[in-house]
Amino acid sequence: MKKIYYCNILLLIIIVFFSRSSLGKSESEIVNIRISKRTVINDYFYGFGVETLPWLWTNENKEAGVSDEDIKLNFSRIEEMELPITRIFIPWETWDPNLDYKTFTWDSDEMKSLCKTLDFYQRTGTKVILVTVDWLKISPWSNAELSAGAVLNLLEYLVKVKDYSCIQFWTLTNEPELTYAWLKKMPFENYVLVHRLIKDGLKRKKIPIRIIGSDDVESKDWFKESVRSLYGIVDIFSSHLYLYPQDVPQIPVYFQERLDIIKRASFAKKDIPFFVCEFGFRGDDFGAYNNSLMGSYEYGLYTASLCVDALNLGVAGCSIWCLHQIRLIDEIYPEGDKMMRIGLWAYKDKNWQPFPIYYLYRLFTKYIKSSSRVLKTKTFPSNILKAACVEYKGKYSLFITNPTNMEQNFLVEWEGLDSYFRKYIYSKFQLSLAQENLLMIDGQVMVKNGLKDKIPASSVILYTNLKE
């Protein structure tokens, strides 16, 4: 009898234990997302942008069959993205072909194509970062005074003569440590002097352009030295980031290191903003002109993770490389097939096919406006979902990413909010190849002091009440 009694007691204990374990598991599956409308991480986010290679109108692309209808298609797609910022290369050879600092060609084929591109961005209100790139060829920077004078001549022509107020930022060159430290090995003092001369010249000529400095490719030492030497000269610091997929969890570390470097150098109440002026993720065939990984669904997940981390850590702006595949100009790449096989969509030979990343990234470009405020957003537990929320003129956009291979339930604590939100889902189930990867809209969602919902495995959700 005693044996039966003790067996029943043991059975009861086991039942209670497992029922409590099950209950605890059910509760722990709900991720809490807390948004603080009063705590602002960044009171002026410049936006998510892209690199525009402005050569659709060039002879090289016309000879490859690019027609006016093709150009119209491309720019209608760009307009749909509502880009807040874009970064544009202007190689020295396209406007100073002899590198003599005086023979400027404002009517070259490449300059005409650039100006048509700028006409478009002028109309859409997109802020342009202009980069006077030397593309690792003969460096024009060996003479600081002459090169600074030539750049000022270019900027004066574009801003004052052509009236391109969309050009709001200038960068000396792409990834300058390649030119100054690794290949041409020019004095760092020259690099600093060019920036100082440009800064003084812009002020003297009353050209309202801000300077973006460093622009290194993951070179923390170069960035640190640039911050030390250019503090007070440049208006924004930037770096580039290209990671392998397995290193995506390290993105916050990369951001925080650079933000800390700026903060330690700051004597002002407000730190100088930090941009990521180029970013991407490396596939097995990654190189300067090719990256097949960009055509994958997963590329959108990596990008969303970076964007959310950037918002939450106080990064002020990001630009992805690059807008679309394009045939490069002779001045950039005189040999080989001359194709930049990296972009949000393919080239004409692939019928301008959009990749999944296009549909994901345009959620960030379109629904996070320039000058948005980034609100403090926390997830509990912190290792399952990521979330970031921005506010623009009393309207909100909330991004949630689920990098796990399981559907996740979540509860958003959004006190004081009573509004209908549109819901966008980037997931393999919503992304239909049969319908050209059209991203689906999952109707209207009512948010009243909070929101309870679920997110599919390996996906991204956007809730927004910004107007279409």
Protein backbone atom coordinates (compact mmCIF):
# COMPACT_ATOMS: atom_id res chain seq x y z
CA MET A 1 0.00 0.00 0.00
CA LYS A 2 2.80 2.37 0.94
CA LYS A 3 4.53 1.57 -2.33
CA ILE A 4 1.41 2.55 -4.31
CA TYR A 5 1.06 5.74 -2.23
CA TYR A 6 4.65 6.83 -2.87
CA CYS A 7 4.32 5.97 -6.57
CA ASN A 8 1.25 8.19 -6.82
CA ILE A 9 3.07 11.03 -5.04
CA LEU A 10 6.02 10.66 -7.42
CA LEU A 11 3.72 10.65 -10.43
CA LEU A 12 1.99 13.81 -9.17
CA ILE A 13 5.35 15.57 -8.73
CA ILE A 14 6.39 14.61 -12.25
CA ILE A 15 3.09 15.88 -13.71
CA VAL A 16 3.37 19.20 -11.86
CA PHE A 17 7.03 19.60 -12.88
CA PHE A 18 6.38 19.06 -16.57
CA SER A 19 3.23 21.18 -16.59
CA ARG A 20 5.16 24.08 -15.02
CA SER A 21 8.04 23.54 -17.42
CA SER A 22 5.60 23.63 -20.30
CA LEU A 23 3.96 26.77 -18.95
CA GLY A 24 7.33 28.46 -18.51
CA LYS A 25 8.32 27.53 -22.03
CA SER A 26 5.10 28.97 -23.43
CA GLU A 27 5.65 32.24 -21.58
CA SER A 28 9.30 32.50 -22.62
CA GLU A 29 8.37 32.17 -26.30
CA ILE A 30 6.76 35.60 -26.23
CA VAL A 31 9.39 38.25 -26.94
CA ASN A 32 8.64 41.62 -25.36
CA ILE A 33 9.48 44.71 -27.42
CA ARG A 34 9.47 47.97 -25.48
CA ILE A 35 9.48 51.33 -27.26
CA SER A 36 10.28 54.50 -25.34
CA LYS A 37 8.73 57.53 -27.01
CA ARG A 38 10.60 59.77 -24.58
CA THR A 39 14.11 58.36 -25.03
CA VAL A 40 15.73 59.36 -28.35
CA ILE A 41 18.85 57.55 -29.54
CA ASN A 42 19.36 59.83 -32.54
CA ASP A 43 17.38 63.02 -33.11
CA TYR A 44 18.43 63.31 -36.78
CA PHE A 45 18.88 60.18 -38.87
CA TYR A 46 19.95 61.05 -42.42
CA GLY A 47 18.53 57.91 -43.98
CA PHE A 48 19.37 54.67 -45.76
CA GLY A 49 20.73 55.23 -49.25
CA VAL A 50 22.55 53.59 -52.13
CA GLU A 51 25.58 54.09 -54.35
CA THR A 52 24.51 55.37 -57.77
CA LEU A 53 26.94 54.73 -60.61
CA PRO A 54 25.64 57.53 -62.89
CA TRP A 55 26.40 56.08 -66.31
CA LEU A 56 23.17 54.77 -67.80
CA TRP A 57 23.35 57.43 -70.52
CA THR A 58 26.98 56.81 -71.51
CA ASN A 59 28.11 55.48 -74.89
CA GLU A 60 29.25 52.23 -73.25
CA ASN A 61 25.72 51.50 -72.03
CA LYS A 62 24.02 52.68 -75.21
CA GLU A 63 26.26 50.34 -77.20
CA ALA A 64 25.23 47.53 -74.85
CA GLY A 65 21.62 48.19 -75.87
CA VAL A 66 20.36 50.41 -73.03
CA SER A 67 17.43 52.38 -74.45
CA ASP A 68 15.42 55.35 -73.25
CA GLU A 69 12.73 52.89 -72.11
CA ASP A 70 15.32 51.00 -70.06
CA ILE A 71 16.42 54.23 -68.41
CA LYS A 72 12.81 55.15 -67.71
CA LEU A 73 12.26 51.75 -66.06
CA ASN A 74 15.36 52.16 -63.87
CA PHE A 75 14.49 55.62 -62.67
CA SER A 76 10.84 54.74 -62.01
CA ARG A 77 12.17 52.01 -59.73
CA ILE A 78 14.54 54.46 -58.02
CA GLU A 79 11.68 56.90 -57.57
CA GLU A 80 9.64 54.15 -55.92
CA MET A 81 12.44 53.75 -53.36
CA GLU A 82 12.17 57.44 -52.34
CA LEU A 83 15.89 57.59 -51.57
CA PRO A 84 16.81 60.08 -48.85
CA ILE A 85 20.53 59.94 -49.73
CA THR A 86 22.73 58.60 -52.52
CA ARG A 87 26.48 58.41 -52.97
CA ILE A 88 27.93 59.12 -56.44
CA PHE A 89 31.44 58.62 -57.84
CA ILE A 90 32.88 61.23 -60.19
CA PRO A 91 36.23 59.88 -61.47
CA TRP A 92 38.86 62.57 -62.07
CA GLU A 93 39.31 61.47 -65.68
CA THR A 94 35.70 62.39 -66.53
CA TRP A 95 36.17 66.09 -65.75
CA ASP A 96 39.98 66.58 -65.69
CA PRO A 97 41.12 64.04 -68.32
CA ASN A 98 44.74 65.22 -68.43
CA LEU A 99 45.05 65.44 -64.64
CA ASP A 100 46.58 68.87 -65.17
CA TYR A 101 44.18 70.65 -62.75
CA LYS A 102 43.06 73.13 -65.41
CA THR A 103 41.65 71.41 -68.52
CA PHE A 104 38.13 70.71 -67.35
CA THR A 105 35.60 68.93 -69.58
CA TRP A 106 32.11 69.87 -68.49
CA ASP A 107 30.58 68.44 -71.67
CA SER A 108 32.17 64.98 -71.75
CA ASP A 109 29.95 61.96 -72.33
CA GLU A 110 30.33 60.89 -68.70
CA MET A 111 29.66 64.40 -67.34
CA LYS A 112 26.46 64.63 -69.38
CA SER A 113 25.29 61.31 -67.95
CA LEU A 114 26.18 62.49 -64.43
CA CYS A 115 24.19 65.70 -64.89
CA LYS A 116 21.11 63.82 -66.11
CA THR A 117 21.35 61.68 -63.00
CA LEU A 118 21.71 64.77 -60.81
CA ASP A 119 18.71 66.34 -62.55
CA PHE A 120 16.65 63.40 -61.32
CA TYR A 121 17.91 63.58 -57.73
CA GLN A 122 17.44 67.34 -57.72
CA ARG A 123 13.77 66.76 -58.55
CA THR A 124 13.26 64.01 -55.96
CA GLY A 125 14.99 65.91 -53.16
CA THR A 126 17.59 63.19 -52.60
CA LYS A 127 20.75 64.36 -50.83
CA VAL A 128 23.89 63.53 -52.84
CA ILE A 129 27.33 62.58 -51.52
CA LEU A 130 29.85 63.36 -54.30
CA VAL A 131 33.13 61.42 -54.25
CA THR A 132 36.04 62.66 -56.41
CA VAL A 133 37.44 59.18 -56.85
CA ASP A 134 40.79 58.32 -58.45
CA TRP A 135 39.90 54.60 -58.64
CA LEU A 136 43.43 53.41 -57.79
CA LYS A 137 44.93 54.82 -61.00
CA ILE A 138 47.31 57.78 -61.34
CA SER A 139 46.71 59.72 -58.17
CA PRO A 140 45.80 63.41 -58.53
CA TRP A 141 46.40 64.10 -54.85
CA SER A 142 50.20 64.35 -54.82
CA ASN A 143 49.94 68.14 -55.12
CA ALA A 144 47.61 69.24 -52.35
CA GLU A 145 47.15 72.84 -53.48
CA LEU A 146 46.46 72.06 -57.14
CA SER A 147 44.17 69.11 -56.45
CA ALA A 148 42.17 71.11 -53.89
CA GLY A 149 41.81 73.94 -56.40
CA ALA A 150 40.54 71.57 -59.08
CA VAL A 151 37.98 70.02 -56.73
CA LEU A 152 36.73 73.46 -55.70
CA ASN A 153 36.41 74.35 -59.38
CA LEU A 154 34.29 71.22 -59.94
CA LEU A 155 32.04 71.84 -56.93
CA GLU A 156 31.58 75.49 -57.84
CA TYR A 157 30.53 74.51 -61.36
CA LEU A 158 28.02 71.88 -60.22
CA VAL A 159 26.53 73.85 -57.32
CA LYS A 160 26.68 77.44 -58.55
CA VAL A 161 26.59 77.14 -62.34
CA LYS A 162 24.41 74.03 -62.68
CA ASP A 163 22.51 74.87 -59.48
CA TYR A 164 22.56 71.36 -58.02
CA SER A 165 21.54 72.06 -54.43
CA CYS A 166 21.05 68.28 -54.06
CA ILE A 167 24.85 67.95 -53.74
CA GLN A 168 25.21 68.35 -49.99
CA PHE A 169 28.32 66.31 -49.15
CA TRP A 170 31.80 65.80 -50.62
CA THR A 171 34.32 63.01 -49.97
CA LEU A 172 37.95 63.27 -51.05
CA THR A 173 38.19 59.79 -52.55
CA ASN A 174 36.96 56.26 -52.08
CA GLU A 175 38.83 54.28 -49.41
CA PRO A 176 41.77 56.70 -49.18
CA GLU A 177 44.04 54.33 -47.26
CA LEU A 178 44.39 52.39 -50.53
CA THR A 179 45.76 55.50 -52.25
CA TYR A 180 47.71 57.06 -49.41
CA ALA A 181 48.97 54.17 -47.31
CA TRP A 182 49.02 50.98 -49.34
CA LEU A 183 49.61 51.77 -53.01
CA LYS A 184 50.81 55.30 -53.74
CA LYS A 185 52.23 55.78 -50.24
CA MET A 186 51.76 59.55 -50.08
CA PRO A 187 52.27 61.50 -46.86
CA PHE A 188 49.33 61.52 -44.47
CA GLU A 189 50.00 65.23 -44.00
CA ASN A 190 49.01 65.73 -47.63
CA TYR A 191 45.69 64.00 -46.96
CA VAL A 192 44.96 66.33 -44.05
CA LEU A 193 46.08 69.43 -45.98
CA VAL A 194 43.75 68.71 -48.92
CA HIS A 195 40.80 68.51 -46.54
CA ARG A 196 41.79 71.77 -44.85
CA LEU A 197 42.18 73.58 -48.19
CA ILE A 198 38.81 72.32 -49.41
CA LYS A 199 37.17 73.36 -46.13
CA ASP A 200 38.59 76.88 -46.40
CA GLY A 201 37.71 77.10 -50.10
CA LEU A 202 34.08 76.06 -49.57
CA LYS A 203 33.72 78.74 -46.91
CA ARG A 204 35.41 81.37 -49.08
CA LYS A 205 33.30 80.56 -52.14
CA LYS A 206 30.12 80.20 -50.03
CA ILE A 207 29.42 76.69 -51.31
CA PRO A 208 27.09 74.95 -48.77
CA ILE A 209 28.65 71.48 -48.88
CA ARG A 210 29.66 69.39 -45.86
CA ILE A 211 32.75 67.19 -45.85
CA ILE A 212 32.70 63.46 -45.09
CA GLY A 213 36.06 62.17 -43.87
CA SER A 214 37.99 58.91 -43.57
CA ASP A 215 35.71 56.70 -45.75
CA ASP A 216 38.07 53.80 -45.07
CA VAL A 217 37.37 50.16 -45.85
CA GLU A 218 37.29 48.54 -42.40
CA SER A 219 40.65 50.06 -41.44
CA LYS A 220 40.24 51.00 -37.79
CA ASP A 221 43.75 52.44 -37.55
CA TRP A 222 43.17 54.72 -40.54
CA PHE A 223 39.80 55.77 -39.14
CA LYS A 224 41.28 56.54 -35.73
CA GLU A 225 44.08 58.64 -37.23
CA SER A 226 41.60 60.45 -39.50
CA VAL A 227 39.37 61.32 -36.55
CA ARG A 228 42.36 62.63 -34.63
CA SER A 229 43.70 64.71 -37.53
CA LEU A 230 40.49 65.83 -39.25
CA TYR A 231 38.45 66.69 -36.17
CA GLY A 232 37.20 70.24 -36.68
CA ILE A 233 37.71 70.02 -40.46
CA VAL A 234 35.20 67.40 -41.57
CA ASP A 235 31.52 67.41 -40.67
CA ILE A 236 30.88 63.64 -40.77
CA PHE A 237 33.09 60.57 -40.39
CA SER A 238 32.49 57.39 -42.35
CA SER A 239 33.74 53.85 -42.91
CA HIS A 240 32.87 50.95 -45.21
CA LEU A 241 31.80 47.49 -44.10
CA TYR A 242 31.84 44.21 -46.04
CA LEU A 243 31.30 41.13 -43.88
CA TYR A 244 30.93 37.42 -44.46
CA PRO A 245 27.48 36.12 -43.43
CA GLN A 246 28.86 34.32 -40.37
CA ASP A 247 30.18 37.66 -39.09
CA VAL A 248 26.82 39.46 -39.13
CA PRO A 249 26.53 39.17 -35.29
CA GLN A 250 29.72 41.28 -35.06
CA ILE A 251 28.12 44.32 -36.74
CA PRO A 252 27.30 46.07 -33.42
CA VAL A 253 30.94 45.67 -32.33
CA TYR A 254 32.14 47.30 -35.56
CA PHE A 255 29.74 50.22 -35.13
CA GLN A 256 30.46 50.73 -31.45
CA GLU A 257 34.24 50.79 -31.97
CA ARG A 258 33.99 53.69 -34.39
CA LEU A 259 31.37 55.58 -32.44
CA ASP A 260 33.61 55.31 -29.37
CA ILE A 261 36.61 56.62 -31.32
CA ILE A 262 34.61 59.71 -32.32
CA LYS A 263 33.26 60.17 -28.80
CA ARG A 264 36.74 60.04 -27.25
CA ALA A 265 37.92 62.74 -29.66
CA SER A 266 34.90 64.97 -29.11
CA PHE A 267 35.18 68.22 -27.23
CA ALA A 268 31.67 69.31 -28.20
CA LYS A 269 28.39 68.52 -26.47
CA LYS A 270 27.28 66.64 -29.57
CA ASP A 271 29.45 64.08 -31.35
CA ILE A 272 30.17 64.35 -35.07
CA PRO A 273 27.82 61.99 -36.98
CA PHE A 274 29.07 58.63 -38.22
CA PHE A 275 28.00 57.18 -41.59
CA VAL A 276 28.53 53.80 -43.20
CA CYS A 277 29.00 55.08 -46.74
CA GLU A 278 29.36 51.60 -48.25
CA PHE A 279 28.19 48.25 -46.95
CA GLY A 280 27.58 44.78 -48.25
CA PHE A 281 28.08 41.09 -47.53
CA ARG A 282 30.62 38.79 -49.12
CA GLY A 283 29.70 35.71 -51.12
CA ASP A 284 32.15 33.04 -52.26
CA ASP A 285 32.86 34.98 -55.48
CA PHE A 286 33.00 38.41 -53.84
CA GLY A 287 35.23 40.94 -55.59
CA ALA A 288 35.32 44.54 -56.77
CA TYR A 289 32.90 43.78 -59.63
CA ASN A 290 31.00 40.65 -58.64
CA ASN A 291 28.97 39.28 -55.74
CA SER A 292 26.38 36.63 -56.61
CA LEU A 293 25.29 36.45 -52.95
CA MET A 294 23.41 39.71 -53.51
CA GLY A 295 20.83 37.81 -55.54
CA SER A 296 19.90 35.59 -52.60
CA TYR A 297 16.96 35.93 -50.23
CA GLU A 298 19.35 35.81 -47.26
CA TYR A 299 21.07 39.03 -48.38
CA GLY A 300 17.91 40.86 -47.33
CA LEU A 301 18.09 39.33 -43.85
CA TYR A 302 21.74 40.36 -43.39
CA THR A 303 20.91 43.87 -44.59
CA ALA A 304 17.93 44.22 -42.26
CA SER A 305 20.09 43.14 -39.34
CA LEU A 306 22.69 45.79 -40.18
CA CYS A 307 20.04 48.50 -40.61
CA VAL A 308 18.39 47.74 -37.27
CA ASP A 309 21.76 47.66 -35.48
CA ALA A 310 22.72 50.98 -37.11
CA LEU A 311 19.54 52.63 -35.88
CA ASN A 312 19.82 51.31 -32.33
CA LEU A 313 23.48 52.23 -31.88
CA GLY A 314 23.26 55.81 -33.18
CA VAL A 315 24.78 55.50 -36.65
CA ALA A 316 23.56 58.56 -38.59
CA GLY A 317 23.26 57.14 -42.13
CA CYS A 318 24.03 54.11 -44.32
CA SER A 319 24.51 53.51 -48.04
CA ILE A 320 24.47 50.08 -49.68
CA TRP A 321 26.73 49.12 -52.61
CA CYS A 322 25.16 49.47 -55.09
CA LEU A 323 21.97 50.52 -56.84
CA HIS A 324 21.91 48.26 -59.91
CA GLN A 325 24.23 46.33 -62.18
CA ILE A 326 25.78 48.52 -64.86
CA ARG A 327 28.42 48.60 -67.56
CA LEU A 328 31.41 50.61 -66.37
CA ILE A 329 33.01 53.43 -68.36
CA ASP A 330 36.40 53.20 -70.07
CA GLU A 331 37.94 55.68 -67.63
CA ILE A 332 37.13 53.33 -64.76
CA TYR A 333 37.77 49.87 -66.15
CA PRO A 334 39.30 49.79 -69.65
CA GLU A 335 39.68 45.99 -69.87
CA GLY A 336 37.61 42.88 -69.24
CA ASP A 337 33.83 42.64 -69.60
CA LYS A 338 33.45 46.01 -67.79
CA MET A 339 30.37 44.88 -65.86
CA MET A 340 29.60 45.81 -62.27
CA ARG A 341 27.68 42.64 -61.36
CA ILE A 342 26.55 43.97 -57.99
CA GLY A 343 23.22 45.67 -57.39
CA LEU A 344 19.65 45.57 -56.14
CA TRP A 345 18.61 44.45 -59.61
CA ALA A 346 20.26 42.96 -62.70
CA TYR A 347 21.43 44.58 -65.94
CA LYS A 348 19.64 44.68 -69.30
CA ASP A 349 21.02 41.27 -70.32
CA LYS A 350 18.97 39.83 -67.43
CA ASN A 351 15.98 42.07 -68.18
CA TRP A 352 16.60 44.30 -65.14
CA GLN A 353 15.39 41.49 -62.85
CA PRO A 354 14.94 42.75 -59.26
CA PHE A 355 16.57 40.70 -56.51
CA PRO A 356 14.87 40.06 -53.15
CA ILE A 357 17.15 42.65 -51.53
CA TYR A 358 15.47 45.38 -53.61
CA TYR A 359 12.09 44.73 -51.99
CA LEU A 360 13.57 44.49 -48.51
CA TYR A 361 15.82 47.54 -48.73
CA ARG A 362 13.20 49.86 -50.18
CA LEU A 363 11.23 49.42 -46.94
CA PHE A 364 14.14 51.14 -45.16
CA THR A 365 14.67 53.84 -47.79
CA LYS A 366 10.97 54.65 -48.20
CA TYR A 367 9.64 54.45 -44.65
CA ILE A 368 12.54 56.02 -42.78
CA LYS A 369 12.70 59.64 -43.88
CA SER A 370 15.71 61.91 -43.58
CA SER A 371 15.60 63.78 -40.24
CA SER A 372 13.68 60.95 -38.53
CA ARG A 373 14.17 60.48 -34.79
CA VAL A 374 15.29 57.05 -33.62
CA LEU A 375 13.52 55.91 -30.45
CA LYS A 376 15.00 53.60 -27.85
CA THR A 377 13.72 50.08 -28.51
CA LYS A 378 14.56 47.04 -26.40
CA THR A 379 13.71 43.34 -26.78
CA PHE A 380 13.41 40.84 -23.90
CA PRO A 381 15.00 38.37 -24.12
CA SER A 382 17.56 40.15 -26.24
CA ASN A 383 18.94 37.22 -28.24
CA ILE A 384 15.90 36.21 -30.29
CA LEU A 385 14.46 39.16 -32.23
CA LYS A 386 15.84 42.57 -33.16
CA ALA A 387 13.68 45.69 -33.37
CA ALA A 388 14.10 49.40 -34.13
CA CYS A 389 11.57 52.22 -34.23
CA VAL A 390 11.74 55.68 -35.82
CA GLU A 391 9.41 58.67 -35.60
CA TYR A 392 8.89 61.27 -38.34
CA LYS A 393 6.44 64.13 -37.86
CA GLY A 394 4.33 62.14 -35.44
CA LYS A 395 4.27 58.98 -37.58
CA TYR A 396 6.12 55.75 -36.81
CA SER A 397 7.92 52.90 -38.52
CA LEU A 398 8.79 49.78 -36.50
CA PHE A 399 11.10 47.14 -37.94
CA ILE A 400 11.37 43.66 -36.43
CA THR A 401 13.79 41.00 -37.67
CA ASN A 402 13.69 37.30 -36.90
CA PRO A 403 17.01 35.62 -37.78
CA THR A 404 15.97 32.31 -36.19
CA ASN A 405 14.60 29.28 -38.01
CA MET A 406 11.38 29.30 -35.93
CA GLU A 407 8.26 31.42 -35.92
CA GLN A 408 8.34 33.79 -32.93
CA ASN A 409 5.54 35.41 -30.93
CA PHE A 410 6.04 38.93 -29.66
CA LEU A 411 4.31 41.66 -27.70
CA VAL A 412 5.04 45.31 -28.47
CA GLU A 413 4.58 47.70 -25.55
CA TRP A 414 3.69 51.00 -27.20
CA GLU A 415 2.09 53.13 -24.52
CA GLY A 416 -0.14 55.99 -25.60
CA LEU A 417 -0.35 54.98 -29.24
CA ASP A 418 -3.71 54.47 -30.94
CA SER A 419 -3.42 54.13 -34.72
CA TYR A 420 -3.83 51.84 -37.70
CA PHE A 421 -0.57 50.53 -39.15
CA ARG A 422 0.20 48.87 -42.47
CA LYS A 423 2.11 45.62 -42.15
CA TYR A 424 4.82 44.51 -44.60
CA ILE A 425 6.42 41.08 -44.41
CA TYR A 426 9.70 40.06 -46.05
CA SER A 427 9.64 36.27 -45.93
CA LYS A 428 10.10 33.41 -48.34
CA PHE A 429 6.39 32.68 -48.09
CA GLN A 430 5.43 36.23 -49.03
CA LEU A 431 8.09 36.67 -51.69
CA SER A 432 6.68 34.99 -54.79
CA LEU A 433 9.10 34.37 -57.64
CA ALA A 434 6.13 33.67 -59.88
CA GLN A 435 5.06 37.29 -59.35
CA GLU A 436 8.51 38.85 -59.86
CA ASN A 437 9.25 38.81 -56.13
CA LEU A 438 6.45 41.21 -55.29
CA LEU A 439 6.50 41.98 -51.59
CA MET A 440 3.07 41.42 -50.09
CA ILE A 441 1.24 43.81 -47.78
CA ASP A 442 -0.50 42.04 -44.91
CA GLY A 443 -3.38 44.49 -44.50
CA GLN A 444 -4.11 46.91 -41.66
CA VAL A 445 -3.20 46.33 -38.02
CA MET A 446 -4.69 48.26 -35.12
CA VAL A 447 -2.17 49.31 -32.47
CA LYS A 448 -3.70 50.55 -29.23
CA ASN A 449 -1.14 50.88 -26.41
CA GLY A 450 0.45 47.69 -27.68
CA LEU A 451 0.48 44.98 -30.30
CA LYS A 452 0.55 41.19 -30.08
CA ASP A 453 1.61 39.33 -33.21
CA LYS A 454 3.98 36.70 -34.59
CA ILE A 455 6.79 36.81 -37.12
CA PRO A 456 7.72 33.95 -39.48
CA ALA A 457 11.11 32.26 -39.33
CA SER A 458 13.97 34.08 -41.12
CA SER A 459 11.92 37.15 -41.95
CA VAL A 460 11.43 40.88 -41.42
CA ILE A 461 8.28 42.81 -40.55
CA LEU A 462 7.58 46.52 -40.90
CA TYR A 463 4.68 48.28 -39.20
CA THR A 464 4.21 51.86 -40.37
CA ASN A 465 1.55 54.55 -40.34
CA LEU A 466 3.48 56.86 -42.67
CA LYS A 467 1.48 57.82 -45.73
CA GLU A 468 2.18 55.92 -48.94
